């Protein structure tokens, strides 16, 4: 739909028209009608040329070998053609055309593939999961987009009035993307078992935790779907680990430092599995953002650090566990039949209150997938909506 080729299949809009473009020391300066100005490095521009010599026009995968581009390349001239493209002639003799919207979004670093910013929550700001009507979300992309946006921001989502049929959770997961397989069954049943190999399969209270911290890459998303629930107790508990990490970073930096640097090992306790991984409780991303929470207190291995760090390590762990039990950070809500709750397993710790086995029945089904699937689904819907909007405008 882009008349001007771009290095992708995405539709790009131009928030502000180009006023003019000039060359400064071999770099390209683009000035916009809204008063903004962006400078583009010539090598970066040459690397992202979307012509047929540099990019396969069907797959949108790069053909150019950047080793063939001189490191001292400069832009010799810049102009705008009749279609509105920013046309650049380079010192290696190549000519490239760039979509102004594509340039604007990449310069602003707000381009379409960026994840949404997390909104940390506590009990006072979010008393229950952001909730949407399940059948509407499954049939209406606008509702699904709103739901996935809420999930990406808050790390949790609830769809209500979903069918109370076995396999519904798998059907929903597959509507987002591939299922993440683990040592558990693909679709696991959360019910009380006499020979339980996990605390989840008992009626006991379950302390807050992330699932499978024993894996190098813990599943990014867990989905739980309630088929039946008539027991007394058993309320779900959700805790925003990023909110606790932010609280400690701002108020108890010494504790935060230990939590982000000292590694704890978690291992599977089942006899026929050997999963084990070692990492800090709070894992940071490359830009200093919170990336992952990795903690399931009941599957921790013995601490292995220098003796000088033992006291501080346990003090930090205890403080994090204390805050997990602090009512300020705990969302507690009942699971109703038909509720489907999806949460970020690398951010939101989940647990439950104990329940009375003799008071009724409780049956959940669960499944895992990766964060990428929810993000990708949101982006695809956004692109579809944008394409429809442009088609409607062009049809008038």
Protein backbone atom coordinates (compact mmCIF):
# COMPACT_ATOMS: atom_id res chain seq x y z
CA UNK A 1 0.00 0.00 0.00
CA UNK A 2 3.05 2.27 0.35
CA UNK A 3 3.67 3.86 -3.07
CA UNK A 4 7.22 4.56 -1.85
CA UNK A 5 9.04 1.32 -0.95
CA UNK A 6 10.15 0.71 2.64
CA UNK A 7 12.29 -2.10 4.13
CA UNK A 8 9.16 -3.86 5.48
CA UNK A 9 5.54 -4.72 4.73
CA UNK A 10 4.17 -2.11 7.12
CA UNK A 11 1.99 0.86 6.27
CA UNK A 12 3.56 4.18 7.26
CA UNK A 13 1.75 7.48 7.72
CA UNK A 14 3.47 10.85 7.80
CA UNK A 15 2.61 12.81 10.99
CA UNK A 16 4.03 15.98 9.46
CA UNK A 17 4.88 16.85 5.84
CA UNK A 18 8.49 17.48 4.85
CA UNK A 19 9.36 21.15 4.65
CA UNK A 20 12.80 20.72 3.08
CA UNK A 21 15.89 18.52 3.20
CA UNK A 22 19.55 19.56 3.08
CA UNK A 23 23.07 18.15 3.31
CA UNK A 24 25.31 18.98 6.27
CA UNK A 25 28.81 17.43 6.32
CA UNK A 26 27.56 14.48 4.28
CA UNK A 27 24.57 13.84 6.57
CA UNK A 28 20.94 14.38 5.57
CA UNK A 29 18.89 16.91 7.53
CA UNK A 30 15.13 16.62 7.09
CA UNK A 31 13.02 19.52 8.31
CA UNK A 32 9.31 19.02 8.92
CA UNK A 33 6.38 21.42 8.71
CA UNK A 34 5.72 21.01 12.46
CA UNK A 35 9.13 22.59 13.17
CA UNK A 36 10.99 19.39 14.01
CA UNK A 37 14.29 18.51 12.36
CA UNK A 38 16.06 15.15 12.16
CA UNK A 39 19.58 14.30 11.03
CA UNK A 40 20.22 10.96 9.33
CA UNK A 41 23.63 9.31 9.09
CA UNK A 42 24.55 8.46 5.47
CA UNK A 43 25.67 4.91 6.29
CA UNK A 44 22.39 4.24 8.13
CA UNK A 45 20.42 5.51 5.15
CA UNK A 46 22.45 3.47 2.68
CA UNK A 47 22.02 0.36 4.85
CA UNK A 48 18.24 0.77 4.75
CA UNK A 49 17.80 1.37 1.03
CA UNK A 50 14.64 -0.37 -0.20
CA UNK A 51 15.43 -0.53 -3.93
CA UNK A 52 15.34 -3.89 -5.75
CA UNK A 53 19.14 -4.14 -5.76
CA UNK A 54 19.34 -3.81 -1.98
CA UNK A 55 16.11 -5.48 -0.83
CA UNK A 56 14.10 -8.44 -2.10
CA UNK A 57 10.81 -6.87 -3.11
CA UNK A 58 8.75 -9.94 -2.17
CA UNK A 59 10.24 -11.09 1.12
CA UNK A 60 11.45 -7.59 2.16
CA UNK A 61 14.68 -9.24 3.31
CA UNK A 62 17.98 -7.49 2.70
CA UNK A 63 20.14 -8.34 -0.30
CA UNK A 64 22.77 -5.68 0.36
CA UNK A 65 26.01 -6.80 1.98
CA UNK A 66 26.92 -3.77 4.09
CA UNK A 67 30.61 -4.70 3.85
CA UNK A 68 30.37 -3.42 0.27
CA UNK A 69 29.38 0.05 1.50
CA UNK A 70 32.36 2.36 2.17
CA UNK A 71 32.57 3.36 5.81
CA UNK A 72 33.31 6.93 4.73
CA UNK A 73 30.21 7.16 2.53
CA UNK A 74 28.51 10.55 2.43
CA UNK A 75 25.32 11.94 0.96
CA UNK A 76 26.06 14.17 -2.02
CA UNK A 77 22.56 15.49 -2.69
CA UNK A 78 19.02 15.25 -1.39
CA UNK A 79 15.71 16.17 -2.99
CA UNK A 80 12.04 15.23 -3.01
CA UNK A 81 10.47 13.50 -5.98
CA UNK A 82 6.94 13.75 -7.36
CA UNK A 83 5.65 11.01 -5.04
CA UNK A 84 7.00 12.78 -1.97
CA UNK A 85 9.95 10.45 -1.38
CA UNK A 86 13.17 11.82 0.05
CA UNK A 87 15.72 10.97 -2.65
CA UNK A 88 19.40 10.71 -1.67
CA UNK A 89 22.42 10.35 -3.94
CA UNK A 90 25.47 8.81 -2.23
CA UNK A 91 29.19 9.05 -2.84
CA UNK A 92 29.32 5.36 -3.87
CA UNK A 93 27.10 6.24 -6.85
CA UNK A 94 23.93 4.70 -5.43
CA UNK A 95 20.57 6.47 -5.30
CA UNK A 96 17.90 5.69 -2.70
CA UNK A 97 14.31 6.80 -2.06
CA UNK A 98 12.88 6.98 1.46
CA UNK A 99 9.30 7.18 2.67
CA UNK A 100 9.00 10.34 4.82
CA UNK A 101 6.72 8.61 7.35
CA UNK A 102 9.21 5.77 7.73
CA UNK A 103 12.00 8.29 8.33
CA UNK A 104 9.93 10.29 10.83
CA UNK A 105 8.94 7.32 12.98
CA UNK A 106 12.45 5.87 13.09
CA UNK A 107 13.95 9.25 13.96
CA UNK A 108 11.42 9.69 16.76
CA UNK A 109 12.10 6.13 17.96
CA UNK A 110 8.35 5.59 18.20
CA UNK A 111 8.17 3.21 15.30
CA UNK A 112 5.51 0.53 15.00
CA UNK A 113 7.53 -2.38 16.41
CA UNK A 114 8.31 -0.77 19.76
CA UNK A 115 6.71 -2.47 22.80
CA UNK A 116 4.26 -0.42 24.81
CA UNK A 117 5.45 1.20 28.01
CA UNK A 118 4.65 -0.77 31.16
CA UNK A 119 2.21 0.70 33.66
CA UNK A 120 3.13 -0.53 37.12
CA UNK A 121 0.19 -1.21 39.42
CA UNK A 122 -0.59 -1.77 43.06
CA UNK A 123 -3.76 -2.78 44.86
CA UNK A 124 -4.88 0.83 45.07
CA UNK A 125 -4.53 1.47 41.32
CA UNK A 126 -5.77 -1.89 39.98
CA UNK A 127 -8.06 -4.00 42.15
CA UNK A 128 -8.82 -6.61 39.49
CA UNK A 129 -7.49 -7.51 36.03
CA UNK A 130 -8.43 -5.21 33.13
CA UNK A 131 -11.52 -7.03 31.89
CA UNK A 132 -13.23 -7.41 28.52
CA UNK A 133 -16.10 -9.43 27.11
CA UNK A 134 -14.57 -12.63 25.74
CA UNK A 135 -16.92 -13.32 22.81
CA UNK A 136 -16.60 -9.68 21.71
CA UNK A 137 -12.80 -9.86 21.81
CA UNK A 138 -12.81 -13.05 19.75
CA UNK A 139 -15.08 -11.58 17.07
CA UNK A 140 -14.07 -7.90 17.00
CA UNK A 141 -10.47 -6.89 16.29
CA UNK A 142 -11.03 -3.47 17.88
CA UNK A 143 -11.93 -5.09 21.21
CA UNK A 144 -9.06 -7.57 20.92
CA UNK A 145 -6.66 -4.71 20.22
CA UNK A 146 -7.86 -2.84 23.29
CA UNK A 147 -7.49 -5.98 25.38
CA UNK A 148 -3.98 -6.76 24.14
CA UNK A 149 -2.92 -3.15 24.68
CA UNK A 150 -4.11 -3.38 28.30
CA UNK A 151 -2.26 -6.67 28.68
CA UNK A 152 1.01 -5.29 27.34
CA UNK A 153 0.82 -2.26 29.60
CA UNK A 154 -0.34 -3.96 32.82
CA UNK A 155 0.92 -7.49 32.29
CA UNK A 156 -2.52 -8.97 32.94
CA UNK A 157 -5.86 -9.33 31.16
CA UNK A 158 -9.19 -11.01 31.89
CA UNK A 159 -11.73 -12.11 29.30
CA UNK A 160 -15.17 -12.87 30.76
CA UNK A 161 -18.01 -15.09 29.53
CA UNK A 162 -15.72 -17.43 27.60
CA UNK A 163 -17.16 -20.92 26.91
CA UNK A 164 -16.66 -23.33 29.83
CA UNK A 165 -15.50 -26.11 27.56
CA UNK A 166 -12.25 -28.05 27.73
CA UNK A 167 -9.75 -26.82 25.15
CA UNK A 168 -11.04 -23.25 25.05
CA UNK A 169 -7.74 -22.02 26.51
CA UNK A 170 -5.79 -23.71 23.72
CA UNK A 171 -8.04 -22.28 21.01
CA UNK A 172 -7.57 -18.80 22.44
CA UNK A 173 -3.80 -19.22 22.73
CA UNK A 174 -3.53 -20.40 19.13
CA UNK A 175 -5.45 -17.32 17.99
CA UNK A 176 -2.46 -15.32 19.24
CA UNK A 177 0.43 -17.54 18.18
CA UNK A 178 2.32 -20.79 18.73
CA UNK A 179 1.91 -22.54 22.06
CA UNK A 180 5.00 -22.79 24.26
CA UNK A 181 5.70 -26.43 25.11
CA UNK A 182 7.22 -27.32 28.51
CA UNK A 183 7.73 -30.48 30.57
CA UNK A 184 4.08 -30.17 31.62
CA UNK A 185 1.21 -31.19 29.40
CA UNK A 186 0.48 -28.81 26.53
CA UNK A 187 -2.85 -27.97 28.19
CA UNK A 188 -2.54 -28.60 31.91
CA UNK A 189 -5.40 -29.08 34.35
CA UNK A 190 -5.19 -27.24 37.66
CA UNK A 191 -7.09 -29.49 40.05
CA UNK A 192 -6.26 -31.13 43.37
CA UNK A 193 -4.44 -34.46 42.91
CA UNK A 194 -3.55 -37.09 45.49
CA UNK A 195 -0.10 -37.65 43.91
CA UNK A 196 0.61 -34.01 43.03
CA UNK A 197 4.09 -33.22 41.65
CA UNK A 198 3.53 -29.48 42.11
CA UNK A 199 1.96 -27.36 44.84
CA UNK A 200 -0.40 -26.02 42.17
CA UNK A 201 -2.16 -29.40 42.12
CA UNK A 202 -3.17 -29.29 45.78
CA UNK A 203 -5.81 -27.29 47.65
CA UNK A 204 -3.19 -25.55 49.76
CA UNK A 205 -2.45 -21.84 49.57
CA UNK A 206 0.05 -21.09 46.83
CA UNK A 207 2.56 -18.33 47.44
CA UNK A 208 3.25 -15.80 44.70
CA UNK A 209 5.69 -17.01 42.07
CA UNK A 210 6.51 -17.15 38.38
CA UNK A 211 6.23 -20.48 36.62
CA UNK A 212 9.31 -22.35 35.42
CA UNK A 213 12.12 -20.08 36.64
CA UNK A 214 14.08 -23.30 36.18
CA UNK A 215 14.23 -22.61 32.43
CA UNK A 216 16.71 -20.21 30.83
CA UNK A 217 13.79 -18.62 28.94
CA UNK A 218 10.78 -18.86 31.21
CA UNK A 219 7.45 -18.84 29.33
CA UNK A 220 6.50 -15.23 28.75
CA UNK A 221 2.75 -15.71 29.11
CA UNK A 222 0.53 -18.00 31.12
CA UNK A 223 -3.20 -18.31 30.46
CA UNK A 224 -5.63 -19.82 32.97
CA UNK A 225 -9.24 -20.57 32.07
CA UNK A 226 -11.85 -21.39 34.70
CA UNK A 227 -14.15 -24.27 33.74
CA UNK A 228 -15.70 -24.77 37.17
CA UNK A 229 -15.41 -23.13 40.58
CA UNK A 230 -17.83 -23.70 43.45
CA UNK A 231 -15.36 -24.06 46.32
CA UNK A 232 -15.01 -21.86 49.37
CA UNK A 233 -11.76 -19.92 49.11
CA UNK A 234 -9.24 -20.34 46.32
CA UNK A 235 -9.17 -16.66 45.34
CA UNK A 236 -6.47 -15.79 42.83
CA UNK A 237 -3.61 -13.54 43.90
CA UNK A 238 -1.61 -11.46 41.43
CA UNK A 239 1.44 -9.31 42.21
CA UNK A 240 3.16 -6.88 39.87
CA UNK A 241 6.82 -7.73 40.34
CA UNK A 242 7.87 -4.66 38.36
CA UNK A 243 5.95 -2.45 40.81
CA UNK A 244 7.85 -4.00 43.72
CA UNK A 245 11.15 -3.62 41.86
CA UNK A 246 10.37 0.06 41.16
CA UNK A 247 9.47 0.63 44.83
CA UNK A 248 12.79 -0.88 45.95
CA UNK A 249 14.81 0.99 43.32
CA UNK A 250 13.35 4.30 44.50
CA UNK A 251 13.29 3.66 48.25
CA UNK A 252 15.75 0.90 49.11
CA UNK A 253 18.56 1.05 46.54
CA UNK A 254 20.91 -1.24 48.51
CA UNK A 255 18.30 -4.00 48.47
CA UNK A 256 17.60 -3.35 44.79
CA UNK A 257 21.29 -3.62 43.94
CA UNK A 258 21.51 -7.08 45.50
CA UNK A 259 18.34 -8.28 43.80
CA UNK A 260 19.69 -7.27 40.38
CA UNK A 261 23.20 -8.67 40.78
CA UNK A 262 23.16 -11.74 43.05
CA UNK A 263 22.14 -14.91 41.21
CA UNK A 264 19.85 -17.55 42.66
CA UNK A 265 19.42 -20.98 41.15
CA UNK A 266 16.02 -22.61 40.67
CA UNK A 267 15.67 -26.28 39.82
CA UNK A 268 12.87 -28.70 39.01
CA UNK A 269 12.15 -31.12 41.85
CA UNK A 270 10.49 -33.78 39.73
CA UNK A 271 12.63 -36.93 39.54
CA UNK A 272 12.67 -37.27 35.75
CA UNK A 273 13.52 -33.66 34.90
CA UNK A 274 16.82 -31.83 35.21
CA UNK A 275 15.87 -28.22 34.55
CA UNK A 276 17.97 -25.65 36.40
CA UNK A 277 18.84 -22.00 35.75
CA UNK A 278 20.72 -19.34 37.68
CA UNK A 279 19.95 -15.61 37.43
CA UNK A 280 19.12 -12.56 39.58
CA UNK A 281 15.61 -12.22 41.00
CA UNK A 282 15.21 -8.93 39.11
CA UNK A 283 16.70 -9.09 35.61
CA UNK A 284 17.37 -5.81 33.85
CA UNK A 285 17.17 -5.07 30.12
CA UNK A 286 19.79 -3.36 27.92
CA UNK A 287 18.24 0.09 28.41
CA UNK A 288 18.03 -0.26 32.20
CA UNK A 289 14.38 -1.34 32.11
CA UNK A 290 12.89 -4.18 34.14
CA UNK A 291 13.04 -7.27 31.93
CA UNK A 292 12.13 -10.29 34.06
CA UNK A 293 11.21 -11.33 37.57
CA UNK A 294 12.57 -14.79 38.36
CA UNK A 295 11.37 -16.14 41.69
CA UNK A 296 9.56 -19.20 42.97
CA UNK A 297 10.62 -19.47 46.60
CA UNK A 298 9.61 -23.13 46.84
CA UNK A 299 11.99 -24.23 44.05
CA UNK A 300 15.08 -22.26 45.04
CA UNK A 301 18.38 -24.12 45.30
CA UNK A 302 20.86 -23.41 48.10
CA UNK A 303 22.44 -19.98 47.73
CA UNK A 304 25.91 -20.09 46.18
CA UNK A 305 27.75 -16.82 46.74
CA UNK A 306 30.82 -15.57 48.53
CA UNK A 307 30.31 -15.70 52.29
CA UNK A 308 30.56 -11.91 52.45
CA UNK A 309 27.34 -11.66 50.42
CA UNK A 310 25.23 -14.23 52.28
CA UNK A 311 23.68 -11.83 54.81
CA UNK A 312 22.86 -9.18 52.22
CA UNK A 313 21.47 -11.76 49.78
CA UNK A 314 19.06 -13.25 52.30
CA UNK A 315 18.09 -9.81 53.55
CA UNK A 316 17.20 -8.74 50.01
CA UNK A 317 15.27 -11.94 49.31
CA UNK A 318 13.30 -11.62 52.55
CA UNK A 319 12.48 -8.00 51.77
CA UNK A 320 11.16 -8.90 48.31
CA UNK A 321 9.08 -11.72 49.81
CA UNK A 322 7.75 -9.37 52.51
CA UNK A 323 6.55 -6.92 49.87
CA UNK A 324 4.91 -9.74 47.94
CA UNK A 325 2.79 -10.40 51.05
CA UNK A 326 2.10 -6.70 51.62
CA UNK A 327 -1.56 -5.99 50.82
CA UNK A 328 -0.51 -2.84 48.94
CA UNK A 329 0.96 -4.99 46.18
CA UNK A 330 -1.59 -7.82 46.10
CA UNK A 331 -4.55 -8.08 43.73
CA UNK A 332 -7.00 -10.65 45.11
CA UNK A 333 -10.08 -11.67 43.13
CA UNK A 334 -12.31 -14.74 42.61
CA UNK A 335 -12.20 -16.95 39.53
CA UNK A 336 -15.65 -17.30 37.98
CA UNK A 337 -16.52 -20.01 35.45
CA UNK A 338 -15.85 -18.63 31.98
CA UNK A 339 -13.09 -16.29 33.15
CA UNK A 340 -9.89 -16.49 31.12
CA UNK A 341 -6.93 -14.67 32.69
CA UNK A 342 -3.73 -14.06 30.73
CA UNK A 343 -0.69 -12.69 32.53
CA UNK A 344 2.96 -11.93 31.89
CA UNK A 345 4.81 -14.78 33.59
CA UNK A 346 8.05 -12.81 33.60
CA UNK A 347 6.50 -9.88 35.42
CA UNK A 348 3.32 -10.80 37.31
CA UNK A 349 3.67 -13.35 40.10
CA UNK A 350 0.60 -15.45 40.72
CA UNK A 351 -0.71 -17.48 43.63
CA UNK A 352 -3.96 -18.37 45.32
CA UNK A 353 -5.62 -18.68 48.70
CA UNK A 354 -6.29 -22.14 50.13
CA UNK A 355 -9.68 -23.69 49.44
CA UNK A 356 -11.92 -26.32 51.02
CA UNK A 357 -11.91 -29.48 48.93
CA UNK A 358 -15.22 -30.60 50.47
CA UNK A 359 -17.08 -27.40 49.59
CA UNK A 360 -17.33 -27.93 45.81
CA UNK A 361 -15.25 -28.32 42.66
CA UNK A 362 -12.50 -26.16 41.16
CA UNK A 363 -11.08 -26.82 37.71
CA UNK A 364 -8.82 -24.54 35.66
CA UNK A 365 -7.01 -25.30 32.43
CA UNK A 366 -3.76 -23.57 31.59
CA UNK A 367 -1.31 -23.11 28.76
CA UNK A 368 1.86 -21.17 27.98
CA UNK A 369 3.00 -19.03 25.08
CA UNK A 370 5.55 -16.27 24.55
CA UNK A 371 5.24 -12.51 24.95
CA UNK A 372 6.09 -12.06 21.28
CA UNK A 373 2.78 -13.61 20.24
CA UNK A 374 0.61 -11.06 22.05
CA UNK A 375 2.74 -8.16 20.83
CA UNK A 376 2.72 -9.45 17.26
CA UNK A 377 -1.06 -9.91 17.29
CA UNK A 378 -1.54 -6.31 18.48
CA UNK A 379 0.73 -4.99 15.72
CA UNK A 380 -1.00 -7.04 13.02
CA UNK A 381 -4.39 -5.67 14.09
CA UNK A 382 -2.99 -2.12 14.04
CA UNK A 383 -1.68 -2.59 10.52
CA UNK A 384 -4.98 -4.08 9.35
CA UNK A 385 -6.88 -1.16 10.85
CA UNK A 386 -4.52 1.33 9.21
CA UNK A 387 -4.84 -0.35 5.82
CA UNK A 388 -8.63 -0.26 6.08
CA UNK A 389 -8.58 3.41 7.05
CA UNK A 390 -6.36 4.33 4.10
CA UNK A 391 -8.50 2.26 1.70
CA UNK A 392 -11.64 4.01 2.92
CA UNK A 393 -10.06 7.43 2.40
CA UNK A 394 -8.84 6.50 -1.08
CA UNK A 395 -12.29 5.16 -2.02
CA UNK A 396 -13.98 8.50 -1.31
